[in-house]
Amino acid sequence: MLIRVNPESPRPLYDQVAASIRADLLAGVLAPGDRLPAARDVATALRINQHTVLHAYQRLRDEGLIDLRRGRGAVISAAAAPLAELAHEIDDLVARAAHMGVSAEILAGIIRAHPQTGSDARPHDAARPRETPMPRESEEAP
């Protein structure tokens, strides 16, 4: 595993650290149960603040990709397993979109705008029409 950051990038360093770990998950370099290096070691190697690395680890924890436990450190969670499985499908989708003239940025926007990508979206809600309560006869205006 090699965590990469670009200090010249406008993207926050913690986001770059988290993205690098996500990329290793997608590539199959990391798997559930694998331990991540201690935040102190990563910070020293990258010449960044330890709290920046901890911020990245906390973000990955919030996404359900790693477990943070005192004494165990950061460990890739079982919930991360589907990412590696999806990697091939993502590659195929990006290639198909490119063949159709759709850039990866536009494809990402389409995915973000998809009704099921919202935090409160549930797959069964997309097909079900919204119900509007009808007023009772006694409640209707004259």
Protein backbone atom coordinates (compact mmCIF):
# COMPACT_ATOMS: atom_id res chain seq x y z
CA MET A 1 0.00 0.00 0.00
CA LEU A 2 1.30 3.40 -0.98
CA ILE A 3 -0.55 6.50 0.18
CA ARG A 4 -0.02 9.42 -2.17
CA VAL A 5 -0.68 13.14 -1.70
CA ASN A 6 0.10 16.24 -3.73
CA PRO A 7 0.80 19.24 -1.49
CA GLU A 8 0.28 21.55 -4.50
CA SER A 9 -3.27 20.32 -5.10
CA PRO A 10 -6.19 22.50 -3.99
CA ARG A 11 -7.82 19.31 -2.65
CA PRO A 12 -7.41 19.00 1.14
CA LEU A 13 -4.66 16.62 2.25
CA TYR A 14 -7.00 14.53 4.41
CA ASP A 15 -9.24 14.02 1.37
CA GLN A 16 -6.22 12.94 -0.71
CA VAL A 17 -5.18 10.42 1.97
CA ALA A 18 -8.71 8.99 2.13
CA ALA A 19 -8.96 8.87 -1.68
CA SER A 20 -5.65 7.04 -1.92
CA ILE A 21 -6.88 4.38 0.51
CA ARG A 22 -10.20 4.09 -1.35
CA ALA A 23 -8.26 3.60 -4.60
CA ASP A 24 -6.27 0.76 -3.01
CA LEU A 25 -9.55 -0.83 -1.89
CA LEU A 26 -10.92 -0.61 -5.43
CA ALA A 27 -7.72 -2.04 -6.87
CA GLY A 28 -7.82 -4.98 -4.46
CA VAL A 29 -4.54 -3.95 -2.79
CA LEU A 30 -6.41 -3.71 0.52
CA ALA A 31 -8.98 -6.22 1.74
CA PRO A 32 -11.19 -6.60 4.81
CA GLY A 33 -9.09 -7.34 7.89
CA ASP A 34 -5.98 -5.55 6.58
CA ARG A 35 -4.47 -3.04 8.98
CA LEU A 36 -3.64 0.46 7.89
CA PRO A 37 -0.38 1.99 9.06
CA ALA A 38 -0.49 4.03 12.25
CA ALA A 39 -1.48 7.64 11.63
CA ARG A 40 1.82 8.78 13.13
CA ASP A 41 3.79 6.65 10.65
CA VAL A 42 1.78 7.88 7.66
CA ALA A 43 2.16 11.50 8.77
CA THR A 44 5.91 11.10 9.17
CA ALA A 45 6.31 9.41 5.79
CA LEU A 46 4.19 12.03 3.99
CA ARG A 47 5.54 14.95 6.02
CA ILE A 48 2.04 16.05 7.03
CA ASN A 49 0.32 16.55 10.37
CA GLN A 50 -0.81 13.44 12.23
CA HIS A 51 -4.26 15.01 12.75
CA THR A 52 -4.64 15.28 8.97
CA VAL A 53 -4.19 11.51 8.69
CA LEU A 54 -6.56 10.93 11.62
CA HIS A 55 -9.14 13.14 9.84
CA ALA A 56 -8.82 10.92 6.75
CA TYR A 57 -9.18 7.78 8.86
CA GLN A 58 -12.26 9.22 10.60
CA ARG A 59 -13.82 10.04 7.24
CA LEU A 60 -13.23 6.46 6.07
CA ARG A 61 -14.71 5.21 9.35
CA ASP A 62 -17.78 7.40 8.79
CA GLU A 63 -18.14 5.84 5.34
CA GLY A 64 -18.01 2.38 6.93
CA LEU A 65 -14.80 1.41 5.14
CA ILE A 66 -12.55 1.07 8.20
CA ASP A 67 -12.93 0.28 11.87
CA LEU A 68 -10.98 2.36 14.36
CA ARG A 69 -10.31 0.60 17.63
CA ARG A 70 -8.02 1.55 20.46
CA GLY A 71 -5.12 -0.87 20.56
CA ARG A 72 -5.92 -2.33 17.11
CA GLY A 73 -5.58 0.80 15.05
CA ALA A 74 -7.33 1.20 11.71
CA VAL A 75 -8.55 -2.01 10.08
CA ILE A 76 -10.38 -2.40 6.76
CA SER A 77 -13.98 -3.36 7.58
CA ALA A 78 -15.99 -6.17 6.04
CA ALA A 79 -18.27 -3.50 4.55
CA ALA A 80 -15.44 -2.52 2.20
CA ALA A 81 -15.52 -5.87 0.36
CA PRO A 82 -18.15 -4.81 -2.22
CA LEU A 83 -15.90 -1.97 -3.43
CA ALA A 84 -13.43 -4.39 -4.99
CA GLU A 85 -16.32 -6.30 -6.56
CA LEU A 86 -17.72 -3.07 -8.03
CA ALA A 87 -14.37 -1.96 -9.44
CA HIS A 88 -14.76 -4.04 -12.61
CA GLU A 89 -18.31 -2.84 -13.15
CA ILE A 90 -17.19 0.76 -12.66
CA ASP A 91 -14.39 0.27 -15.21
CA ASP A 92 -16.90 -1.14 -17.70
CA LEU A 93 -19.34 1.74 -17.10
CA VAL A 94 -16.65 4.40 -17.52
CA ALA A 95 -15.41 2.72 -20.72
CA ARG A 96 -18.96 2.48 -22.08
CA ALA A 97 -19.62 6.14 -21.23
CA ALA A 98 -16.36 7.19 -22.92
CA HIS A 99 -17.36 5.21 -26.02
CA MET A 100 -20.60 7.23 -26.04
CA GLY A 101 -18.69 10.51 -25.64
CA VAL A 102 -19.60 11.01 -21.97
CA SER A 103 -16.68 12.10 -19.79
CA ALA A 104 -16.00 10.62 -16.35
CA GLU A 105 -16.89 14.00 -14.81
CA ILE A 106 -20.29 14.06 -16.50
CA LEU A 107 -20.87 10.43 -15.54
CA ALA A 108 -20.06 11.26 -11.92
CA GLY A 109 -22.56 14.13 -12.06
CA ILE A 110 -25.22 11.80 -13.45
CA ILE A 111 -24.57 9.35 -10.63
CA ARG A 112 -24.73 12.12 -8.02
CA ALA A 113 -28.05 13.31 -9.48
CA HIS A 114 -29.54 9.82 -9.54
CA PRO A 115 -32.53 9.58 -7.18
CA GLN A 116 -31.07 6.60 -5.31
CA THR A 117 -27.75 8.29 -4.46
CA GLY A 118 -29.26 10.61 -1.87
CA SER A 119 -28.60 9.71 1.76
CA ASP A 120 -32.27 9.02 2.42
CA ALA A 121 -32.97 7.21 -0.86
CA ARG A 122 -34.15 3.63 -0.66
CA PRO A 123 -34.37 1.35 -3.70
CA HIS A 124 -38.05 0.53 -3.21
CA ASP A 125 -39.01 4.22 -2.97
CA ALA A 126 -38.03 4.97 -6.56
CA ALA A 127 -40.80 2.82 -8.04
CA ARG A 128 -43.50 3.70 -5.52
CA PRO A 129 -45.57 6.83 -6.21
CA ARG A 130 -45.81 9.37 -3.42
CA GLU A 131 -49.10 9.36 -1.61
CA THR A 132 -50.90 12.59 -0.83
CA PRO A 133 -53.59 12.33 1.83
CA MET A 134 -56.98 13.38 0.58
CA PRO A 135 -59.09 15.59 2.86
CA ARG A 136 -62.19 14.07 4.39
CA GLU A 137 -65.51 15.38 3.18
CA SER A 138 -66.00 17.24 6.46
CA GLU A 139 -62.64 19.01 5.94
CA GLU A 140 -63.29 20.23 2.42
CA ALA A 141 -63.99 23.89 1.85
CA PRO A 142 -67.64 24.80 1.02
